Amino acid sequence: MPARRPPRPLAEDRPYNADFIRRFTQREAAKRIAKRPEALMAEQRAALRKQLEDTQFLMPDYADKTKVNIAGMLRKWKRYCESAKLGGTWRDVMHKANRAMAMDFLEHLCQTCRIKSWASSWQYFRQYKQLYTSVTGRYMDRNDSREVQKVRFQTPAYRHISFEATPLFERIVSCSFSEEDSCR
């Protein structure tokens, strides 16, 4: 194997390093300038403002799984519209939906889908709000959403998980306080 050439002294490298740094800096500055978009003229800005005034709502870009969940909620919404005999198409009913209808729909879901836990009901309601946004082109009122959240506790279909009432909890408690090893 040939022997490596010893490194050059620092004094000889200085002009080469300075030249390299100067060329590198110029190249990076040119790249930055090339990436920068050109500034809009006054007429272009006026046209942009007019276009933004005409745009009322930008639809959210949902993930694929979210779109699947919204499609499932749409099936449930159509079934609700048929069973409640609301009249009109499901889309017209969705445009007329208010807080009372949202509460009634959530109650319908809890009864037909046998939802009993608080977290599941809230997940279904979040999917309903996403469906509402997709169909109507506007977000559901936050105050209405909070009111629906308050009413959920008054519905008898909801249950709170109580670990003390479960047989497993009783067995664990009885084993931990017993002096025998017979609980295994």
C-alpha atoms as a PDB file:
ATOM      1  CA  MET A   1       0.000   0.000   0.000  1.00  0.00           C
ATOM      2  CA  PRO A   2       1.507   3.334  -0.949  1.00  0.00           C
ATOM      3  CA  ALA A   3       2.267   5.731   1.811  1.00  0.00           C
ATOM      4  CA  ARG A   4      -0.043   8.666   2.273  1.00  0.00           C
ATOM      5  CA  ARG A   5       1.130  12.044   1.304  1.00  0.00           C
ATOM      6  CA  PRO A   6       1.636  14.264   4.335  1.00  0.00           C
ATOM      7  CA  PRO A   7      -0.854  17.123   4.650  1.00  0.00           C
ATOM      8  CA  ARG A   8       0.143  20.444   3.204  1.00  0.00           C
ATOM      9  CA  PRO A   9       1.098  23.178   5.562  1.00  0.00           C
ATOM     10  CA  LEU A  10      -1.682  25.575   6.514  1.00  0.00           C
ATOM     11  CA  ALA A  11       0.026  28.533   4.857  1.00  0.00           C
ATOM     12  CA  GLU A  12      -0.245  26.963   1.388  1.00  0.00           C
ATOM     13  CA  ASP A  13      -3.948  26.039   1.854  1.00  0.00           C
ATOM     14  CA  ARG A  14      -5.132  29.520   2.739  1.00  0.00           C
ATOM     15  CA  PRO A  15      -5.666  30.814  -0.820  1.00  0.00           C
ATOM     16  CA  TYR A  16      -7.456  27.615  -1.829  1.00  0.00           C
ATOM     17  CA  ASN A  17      -9.699  27.659   1.246  1.00  0.00           C
ATOM     18  CA  ALA A  18     -10.550  31.317   0.793  1.00  0.00           C
ATOM     19  CA  ASP A  19     -11.371  30.726  -2.886  1.00  0.00           C
ATOM     20  CA  PHE A  20     -13.541  27.721  -2.010  1.00  0.00           C
ATOM     21  CA  ILE A  21     -15.425  29.637   0.687  1.00  0.00           C
ATOM     22  CA  ARG A  22     -16.016  32.599  -1.658  1.00  0.00           C
ATOM     23  CA  ARG A  23     -17.368  30.351  -4.461  1.00  0.00           C
ATOM     24  CA  PHE A  24     -19.518  28.364  -2.006  1.00  0.00           C
ATOM     25  CA  THR A  25     -21.016  31.566  -0.555  1.00  0.00           C
ATOM     26  CA  GLN A  26     -21.801  32.935  -4.018  1.00  0.00           C
ATOM     27  CA  ARG A  27     -23.461  29.669  -5.055  1.00  0.00           C
ATOM     28  CA  GLU A  28     -25.622  29.552  -1.894  1.00  0.00           C
ATOM     29  CA  ALA A  29     -26.681  33.194  -2.341  1.00  0.00           C
ATOM     30  CA  ALA A  30     -27.697  32.474  -5.944  1.00  0.00           C
ATOM     31  CA  LYS A  31     -29.773  29.487  -4.777  1.00  0.00           C
ATOM     32  CA  ARG A  32     -31.566  31.624  -2.185  1.00  0.00           C
ATOM     33  CA  ILE A  33     -32.417  34.283  -4.753  1.00  0.00           C
ATOM     34  CA  ALA A  34     -33.650  31.670  -7.250  1.00  0.00           C
ATOM     35  CA  LYS A  35     -36.028  30.141  -4.660  1.00  0.00           C
ATOM     36  CA  ARG A  36     -37.583  33.476  -3.720  1.00  0.00           C
ATOM     37  CA  PRO A  37     -40.862  34.163  -5.578  1.00  0.00           C
ATOM     38  CA  GLU A  38     -41.290  37.467  -7.322  1.00  0.00           C
ATOM     39  CA  ALA A  39     -43.270  40.133  -5.502  1.00  0.00           C
ATOM     40  CA  LEU A  40     -46.856  40.689  -6.626  1.00  0.00           C
ATOM     41  CA  MET A  41     -47.809  43.909  -8.351  1.00  0.00           C
ATOM     42  CA  ALA A  42     -50.670  46.108  -7.085  1.00  0.00           C
ATOM     43  CA  GLU A  43     -53.111  44.737  -9.700  1.00  0.00           C
ATOM     44  CA  GLN A  44     -52.211  41.157  -8.793  1.00  0.00           C
ATOM     45  CA  ARG A  45     -52.739  41.880  -5.101  1.00  0.00           C
ATOM     46  CA  ALA A  46     -56.167  43.399  -5.849  1.00  0.00           C
ATOM     47  CA  ALA A  47     -57.146  40.303  -7.847  1.00  0.00           C
ATOM     48  CA  LEU A  48     -55.946  38.072  -5.001  1.00  0.00           C
ATOM     49  CA  ARG A  49     -57.999  40.035  -2.442  1.00  0.00           C
ATOM     50  CA  LYS A  50     -61.089  39.714  -4.650  1.00  0.00           C
ATOM     51  CA  GLN A  51     -60.548  35.966  -4.973  1.00  0.00           C
ATOM     52  CA  LEU A  52     -60.129  35.576  -1.200  1.00  0.00           C
ATOM     53  CA  GLU A  53     -63.329  37.565  -0.577  1.00  0.00           C
ATOM     54  CA  ASP A  54     -65.276  35.174  -2.803  1.00  0.00           C
ATOM     55  CA  THR A  55     -63.901  32.116  -0.978  1.00  0.00           C
ATOM     56  CA  GLN A  56     -66.086  31.519   2.063  1.00  0.00           C
ATOM     57  CA  PHE A  57     -64.743  28.254   3.426  1.00  0.00           C
ATOM     58  CA  LEU A  58     -61.678  26.149   2.732  1.00  0.00           C
ATOM     59  CA  MET A  59     -62.522  22.473   3.114  1.00  0.00           C
ATOM     60  CA  PRO A  60     -60.231  20.584   5.485  1.00  0.00           C
ATOM     61  CA  ASP A  61     -57.926  18.035   3.909  1.00  0.00           C
ATOM     62  CA  TYR A  62     -58.801  14.935   5.918  1.00  0.00           C
ATOM     63  CA  ALA A  63     -56.649  11.820   6.186  1.00  0.00           C
ATOM     64  CA  ASP A  64     -57.858   8.632   4.504  1.00  0.00           C
ATOM     65  CA  LYS A  65     -58.956   7.013   7.795  1.00  0.00           C
ATOM     66  CA  THR A  66     -60.924  10.134   8.695  1.00  0.00           C
ATOM     67  CA  LYS A  67     -62.709  10.006   5.339  1.00  0.00           C
ATOM     68  CA  VAL A  68     -63.667   6.386   6.042  1.00  0.00           C
ATOM     69  CA  ASN A  69     -65.056   7.409   9.450  1.00  0.00           C
ATOM     70  CA  ILE A  70     -67.036  10.257   7.865  1.00  0.00           C
ATOM     71  CA  ALA A  71     -68.499   7.833   5.303  1.00  0.00           C
ATOM     72  CA  GLY A  72     -69.595   5.541   8.147  1.00  0.00           C
ATOM     73  CA  MET A  73     -71.175   8.468   9.951  1.00  0.00           C
ATOM     74  CA  LEU A  74     -72.978   9.445   6.733  1.00  0.00           C
ATOM     75  CA  ARG A  75     -74.605   5.987   6.624  1.00  0.00           C
ATOM     76  CA  LYS A  76     -75.759   6.451  10.222  1.00  0.00           C
ATOM     77  CA  TRP A  77     -77.041   9.959   9.407  1.00  0.00           C
ATOM     78  CA  LYS A  78     -79.079   8.670   6.455  1.00  0.00           C
ATOM     79  CA  ARG A  79     -80.548   5.933   8.650  1.00  0.00           C
ATOM     80  CA  TYR A  80     -81.414   8.534  11.293  1.00  0.00           C
ATOM     81  CA  CYS A  81     -83.137  10.776   8.715  1.00  0.00           C
ATOM     82  CA  GLU A  82     -85.259   7.828   7.557  1.00  0.00           C
ATOM     83  CA  SER A  83     -86.193   6.624  11.043  1.00  0.00           C
ATOM     84  CA  ALA A  84     -86.988  10.119  12.370  1.00  0.00           C
ATOM     85  CA  LYS A  85     -88.982  10.966   9.205  1.00  0.00           C
ATOM     86  CA  LEU A  86     -87.427  14.414   8.963  1.00  0.00           C
ATOM     87  CA  GLY A  87     -88.497  14.990   5.358  1.00  0.00           C
ATOM     88  CA  GLY A  88     -86.333  16.097   2.480  1.00  0.00           C
ATOM     89  CA  THR A  89     -82.990  14.713   1.495  1.00  0.00           C
ATOM     90  CA  TRP A  90     -80.329  13.973   4.058  1.00  0.00           C
ATOM     91  CA  ARG A  91     -78.280  16.891   2.694  1.00  0.00           C
ATOM     92  CA  ASP A  92     -81.145  19.373   3.180  1.00  0.00           C
ATOM     93  CA  VAL A  93     -81.697  18.073   6.700  1.00  0.00           C
ATOM     94  CA  MET A  94     -77.984  18.487   7.458  1.00  0.00           C
ATOM     95  CA  HIS A  95     -78.091  22.116   6.292  1.00  0.00           C
ATOM     96  CA  LYS A  96     -81.029  22.748   8.663  1.00  0.00           C
ATOM     97  CA  ALA A  97     -79.418  20.869  11.575  1.00  0.00           C
ATOM     98  CA  ASN A  98     -79.180  22.660  14.895  1.00  0.00           C
ATOM     99  CA  ARG A  99     -78.179  21.825  18.455  1.00  0.00           C
ATOM    100  CA  ALA A 100     -81.413  19.979  19.238  1.00  0.00           C
ATOM    101  CA  MET A 101     -81.046  17.797  16.159  1.00  0.00           C
ATOM    102  CA  ALA A 102     -77.417  17.044  17.067  1.00  0.00           C
ATOM    103  CA  MET A 103     -78.489  15.985  20.560  1.00  0.00           C
ATOM    104  CA  ASP A 104     -81.277  13.840  19.155  1.00  0.00           C
ATOM    105  CA  PHE A 105     -78.899  12.247  16.646  1.00  0.00           C
ATOM    106  CA  LEU A 106     -76.401  11.436  19.397  1.00  0.00           C
ATOM    107  CA  GLU A 107     -79.199   9.900  21.463  1.00  0.00           C
ATOM    108  CA  HIS A 108     -80.270   7.881  18.404  1.00  0.00           C
ATOM    109  CA  LEU A 109     -76.694   6.628  17.987  1.00  0.00           C
ATOM    110  CA  CYS A 110     -76.465   5.637  21.636  1.00  0.00           C
ATOM    111  CA  GLN A 111     -79.658   3.604  21.351  1.00  0.00           C
ATOM    112  CA  THR A 112     -79.128   1.962  17.969  1.00  0.00           C
ATOM    113  CA  CYS A 113     -75.388   1.330  18.247  1.00  0.00           C
ATOM    114  CA  ARG A 114     -75.613   0.438  21.951  1.00  0.00           C
ATOM    115  CA  ILE A 115     -73.048   3.032  22.944  1.00  0.00           C
ATOM    116  CA  LYS A 116     -72.712   3.219  26.696  1.00  0.00           C
ATOM    117  CA  SER A 117     -69.358   4.808  27.376  1.00  0.00           C
ATOM    118  CA  TRP A 118     -68.648   8.505  27.478  1.00  0.00           C
ATOM    119  CA  ALA A 119     -65.542   8.313  25.268  1.00  0.00           C
ATOM    120  CA  SER A 120     -67.274   6.365  22.497  1.00  0.00           C
ATOM    121  CA  SER A 121     -70.181   8.779  22.384  1.00  0.00           C
ATOM    122  CA  TRP A 122     -67.826  11.739  22.153  1.00  0.00           C
ATOM    123  CA  GLN A 123     -65.897  10.049  19.330  1.00  0.00           C
ATOM    124  CA  TYR A 124     -69.154   9.556  17.407  1.00  0.00           C
ATOM    125  CA  PHE A 125     -70.071  13.190  17.991  1.00  0.00           C
ATOM    126  CA  ARG A 126     -66.682  14.357  16.711  1.00  0.00           C
ATOM    127  CA  GLN A 127     -67.249  12.324  13.558  1.00  0.00           C
ATOM    128  CA  TYR A 128     -70.699  13.917  13.244  1.00  0.00           C
ATOM    129  CA  LYS A 129     -69.102  17.373  13.440  1.00  0.00           C
ATOM    130  CA  GLN A 130     -66.656  16.393  10.695  1.00  0.00           C
ATOM    131  CA  LEU A 131     -69.566  15.202   8.541  1.00  0.00           C
ATOM    132  CA  TYR A 132     -71.415  18.453   9.252  1.00  0.00           C
ATOM    133  CA  THR A 133     -68.370  20.466   8.191  1.00  0.00           C
ATOM    134  CA  SER A 134     -67.909  18.442   5.012  1.00  0.00           C
ATOM    135  CA  VAL A 135     -71.550  18.744   3.947  1.00  0.00           C
ATOM    136  CA  THR A 136     -72.438  22.299   4.949  1.00  0.00           C
ATOM    137  CA  GLY A 137     -69.100  24.000   4.367  1.00  0.00           C
ATOM    138  CA  ARG A 138     -69.040  25.592   7.813  1.00  0.00           C
ATOM    139  CA  TYR A 139     -68.005  24.520  11.272  1.00  0.00           C
ATOM    140  CA  MET A 140     -70.533  23.616  13.934  1.00  0.00           C
ATOM    141  CA  ASP A 141     -71.057  26.354  16.504  1.00  0.00           C
ATOM    142  CA  ARG A 142     -68.748  25.851  19.496  1.00  0.00           C
ATOM    143  CA  ASN A 143     -71.427  26.821  21.992  1.00  0.00           C
ATOM    144  CA  ASP A 144     -73.764  24.200  20.531  1.00  0.00           C
ATOM    145  CA  SER A 145     -70.993  21.627  20.731  1.00  0.00           C
ATOM    146  CA  ARG A 146     -70.422  22.419  24.410  1.00  0.00           C
ATOM    147  CA  GLU A 147     -74.140  22.155  25.123  1.00  0.00           C
ATOM    148  CA  VAL A 148     -74.225  18.703  23.554  1.00  0.00           C
ATOM    149  CA  GLN A 149     -71.294  17.731  25.745  1.00  0.00           C
ATOM    150  CA  LYS A 150     -73.194  18.820  28.873  1.00  0.00           C
ATOM    151  CA  VAL A 151     -76.329  16.875  27.983  1.00  0.00           C
ATOM    152  CA  ARG A 152     -74.476  13.597  27.559  1.00  0.00           C
ATOM    153  CA  PHE A 153     -74.262  13.108  31.322  1.00  0.00           C
ATOM    154  CA  GLN A 154     -78.027  13.314  31.756  1.00  0.00           C
ATOM    155  CA  THR A 155     -78.709  10.451  29.350  1.00  0.00           C
ATOM    156  CA  PRO A 156     -79.375   7.125  31.098  1.00  0.00           C
ATOM    157  CA  ALA A 157     -77.633   5.162  28.336  1.00  0.00           C
ATOM    158  CA  TYR A 158     -74.225   6.407  29.441  1.00  0.00           C
ATOM    159  CA  ARG A 159     -72.296   4.569  32.075  1.00  0.00           C
ATOM    160  CA  HIS A 160     -69.201   5.428  33.975  1.00  0.00           C
ATOM    161  CA  ILE A 161     -66.738   2.603  34.446  1.00  0.00           C
ATOM    162  CA  SER A 162     -66.548   1.621  38.082  1.00  0.00           C
ATOM    163  CA  PHE A 163     -63.695  -0.703  38.850  1.00  0.00           C
ATOM    164  CA  GLU A 164     -65.055  -1.433  42.300  1.00  0.00           C
ATOM    165  CA  ALA A 165     -68.083  -3.227  40.879  1.00  0.00           C
ATOM    166  CA  THR A 166     -66.096  -5.634  38.728  1.00  0.00           C
ATOM    167  CA  PRO A 167     -65.443  -9.192  39.915  1.00  0.00           C
ATOM    168  CA  LEU A 168     -61.769  -8.919  38.989  1.00  0.00           C
ATOM    169  CA  PHE A 169     -61.330  -5.937  41.292  1.00  0.00           C
ATOM    170  CA  GLU A 170     -63.041  -7.781  44.156  1.00  0.00           C
ATOM    171  CA  ARG A 171     -60.787 -10.772  43.613  1.00  0.00           C
ATOM    172  CA  ILE A 172     -57.644  -8.627  43.555  1.00  0.00           C
ATOM    173  CA  VAL A 173     -58.677  -6.805  46.719  1.00  0.00           C
ATOM    174  CA  SER A 174     -59.558 -10.008  48.543  1.00  0.00           C
ATOM    175  CA  CYS A 175     -56.256 -11.624  47.502  1.00  0.00           C
ATOM    176  CA  SER A 176     -54.116  -8.702  48.483  1.00  0.00           C
ATOM    177  CA  PHE A 177     -55.561  -8.565  51.999  1.00  0.00           C
ATOM    178  CA  SER A 178     -55.781 -12.305  52.630  1.00  0.00           C
ATOM    179  CA  GLU A 179     -52.980 -14.148  54.325  1.00  0.00           C
ATOM    180  CA  GLU A 180     -53.333 -17.257  52.215  1.00  0.00           C
ATOM    181  CA  ASP A 181     -51.868 -17.948  48.811  1.00  0.00           C
ATOM    182  CA  SER A 182     -55.090 -19.613  47.647  1.00  0.00           C
ATOM    183  CA  CYS A 183     -56.087 -16.708  45.407  1.00  0.00           C
ATOM    184  CA  ARG A 184     -53.839 -17.650  42.543  1.00  0.00           C
END
